[in-house]
Protein backbone atom coordinates (compact mmCIF):
# COMPACT_ATOMS: atom_id res chain seq x y z
CA MET A 1 102.75 95.67 82.45
CA LEU A 2 106.14 95.09 82.38
CA PRO A 3 107.18 98.22 80.84
CA VAL A 4 106.01 99.85 84.06
CA PHE A 5 108.60 97.92 85.97
CA GLY A 6 111.79 99.88 83.90
CA GLU A 7 115.04 98.86 85.14
CA LEU A 8 113.49 96.86 87.94
CA VAL A 9 114.15 92.93 87.26
CA LEU A 10 112.64 89.81 88.61
CA ASN A 11 114.29 88.14 91.22
CA PRO A 12 117.78 89.61 90.77
CA GLU A 13 120.78 87.38 92.28
CA TRP A 14 121.84 89.55 95.16
CA SER A 15 117.76 88.73 96.40
CA ARG A 16 117.98 85.03 96.51
CA GLY A 17 117.98 83.54 99.78
CA ALA A 18 118.15 86.84 101.83
CA GLY A 19 115.90 85.15 104.19
CA ASP A 20 115.61 88.25 106.43
CA GLY A 21 112.29 89.84 105.63
CA GLN A 22 113.44 92.86 104.00
CA LEU A 23 112.21 90.99 100.52
CA ALA A 24 109.01 89.53 101.73
CA GLY A 25 105.33 90.03 100.88
CA THR A 26 104.80 91.18 104.34
CA ASP A 27 106.45 93.18 107.29
CA ASP A 28 104.49 91.69 109.97
CA GLN A 29 106.66 89.01 111.60
CA GLU A 30 103.83 86.49 112.64
CA LEU A 31 102.54 86.68 108.64
CA GLN A 32 106.01 85.88 107.49
CA GLY A 33 105.94 83.02 109.68
CA VAL A 34 102.90 81.98 108.26
CA MET A 35 104.23 82.24 104.92
CA ALA A 36 107.71 80.83 105.37
CA ALA A 37 106.19 77.88 106.69
CA ALA A 38 103.72 77.69 103.52
CA GLU A 39 106.95 77.27 101.37
CA PRO A 40 105.80 80.08 98.68
CA LEU A 41 106.83 80.92 95.33
CA GLU A 42 108.94 84.41 95.97
CA CYS A 43 108.55 86.86 93.08
CA ASP A 44 110.99 89.90 93.76
CA TRP A 45 111.03 92.93 91.57
CA ALA A 46 114.14 95.26 92.39
CA SER A 47 117.57 96.62 91.15
CA ALA A 48 119.95 94.20 89.66
CA ASN A 49 122.56 95.63 91.57
CA GLY A 50 121.32 95.66 95.09
CA GLY A 51 118.84 97.00 97.44
CA SER A 52 117.87 100.42 96.05
CA GLY A 53 115.05 101.80 98.03
CA VAL A 54 112.57 100.88 95.21
CA GLY A 55 110.78 97.64 94.49
CA LEU A 56 108.07 94.87 95.72
CA SER A 57 107.84 91.61 96.54
CA THR A 58 105.14 88.80 96.19
CA ASP A 59 104.78 85.95 97.51
CA VAL A 60 102.01 83.23 96.41
CA ALA A 61 101.29 79.95 98.62
CA SER A 62 98.97 77.65 99.27
CA VAL A 63 96.98 77.70 102.44
CA SER A 64 94.22 75.68 104.37
CA PRO A 65 90.94 77.18 104.84
CA GLU A 66 91.86 77.03 108.78
CA VAL A 67 95.39 79.24 107.80
CA SER A 68 93.34 81.99 105.91
CA VAL A 69 91.15 82.73 108.89
CA THR A 70 94.28 82.81 110.88
CA ILE A 71 95.84 85.45 107.77
CA GLU A 72 92.56 87.47 107.69
CA ALA A 73 92.42 87.84 111.49
CA ARG A 74 96.39 88.39 111.94
CA LEU A 75 95.49 91.46 109.17
CA ARG A 76 92.50 93.19 111.00
CA ALA A 77 94.60 93.32 114.06
CA VAL A 78 97.61 94.92 112.38
CA GLY A 79 95.22 97.60 110.94
CA ALA A 80 94.60 96.15 107.25
CA ASN A 81 91.47 97.35 105.14
CA CYS A 82 89.75 94.26 103.99
CA TYR A 83 87.24 93.60 101.69
CA GLY A 84 85.72 91.17 99.22
CA GLU A 85 87.04 91.57 95.19
CA LEU A 86 87.74 89.37 92.62
CA ALA A 87 85.76 86.44 94.39
CA GLY A 88 88.34 86.69 96.84
CA LEU A 89 89.02 88.31 99.95
CA ARG A 90 91.69 91.59 99.62
CA CYS A 91 93.50 93.29 102.48
CA VAL A 92 95.72 96.71 101.97
CA MET A 93 97.51 98.70 103.86
CA SER A 94 99.87 101.78 103.19
CA GLY A 95 102.08 104.29 104.87
CA SER A 96 104.95 106.59 104.53
CA ASN A 97 108.34 106.92 106.79
CA ASP A 98 110.84 109.34 106.32
CA GLY A 99 109.67 110.22 102.60
CA ASP A 100 109.38 106.45 101.52
CA ILE A 101 105.99 105.51 100.75
CA TRP A 102 105.26 101.73 101.49
CA GLY A 103 102.10 99.35 101.45
CA GLU A 104 101.06 95.63 101.57
CA SER A 105 98.29 93.93 99.40
CA HIS A 106 97.06 90.37 100.45
CA PHE A 107 94.80 88.31 98.61
CA LEU A 108 92.92 85.35 99.88
CA ARG A 109 91.09 83.10 97.54
CA ASP A 110 90.24 79.10 96.74
CA SER A 111 93.37 78.13 99.48
CA LEU A 112 95.75 80.63 97.67
CA TRP A 113 97.55 83.80 99.80
CA LEU A 114 99.35 86.43 97.50
CA ALA A 115 101.19 88.80 99.63
CA THR A 116 102.66 91.76 98.20
CA LYS A 117 104.95 94.72 99.97
CA TYR A 118 106.24 97.70 97.76
CA VAL A 119 108.30 100.49 98.40
CA ASN A 120 108.00 103.40 96.52
CA PHE A 121 107.07 101.76 93.69
CA ALA A 122 103.29 100.52 93.19
CA PRO A 123 102.04 99.50 89.85
CA ALA A 124 98.51 100.18 88.95
CA ASN A 125 96.61 97.08 89.20
CA TYR A 126 99.26 95.12 90.18
CA THR A 127 97.02 92.54 92.53
CA GLU A 128 94.56 92.26 89.54
CA ASN A 129 96.98 91.22 87.04
CA VAL A 130 98.25 88.68 89.32
CA VAL A 131 94.72 87.38 90.11
CA ALA A 132 93.71 87.40 86.55
CA ASN A 133 96.96 85.13 85.80
CA LEU A 134 96.31 82.92 88.26
CA TRP A 135 92.54 82.51 87.97
CA GLY A 136 91.58 84.35 84.40
CA SER A 137 89.80 87.09 83.66
CA GLN A 138 86.65 87.85 85.86
């Protein structure tokens, strides 16, 4: 899968501690608050030289079953399409603004929440590969 990422690097120096929501697994401020409280593992694929308008961010966090219900409700409220997949719940949304293609993919299973936001870069089967690495092949 790594060749797909081209010149993007994992967690470039400039991205550390950004804290402005630009590099987060969701654009939704309410969900950003839930994720921040969960103290996630953050994985940002971006240009080594700063923001380029291309990249993706994935946050992985442990959440309680009650918080999972809250996350699902919020995702549905903001228009995400949610469905069962890979023994969990997947919620996706996408769109375009000013020529940029963006999207989010959220996955909830066994008290883990994967939240991925992408801009102009959506590798095929990315979420499925993360799920396989965390839970093993299905």
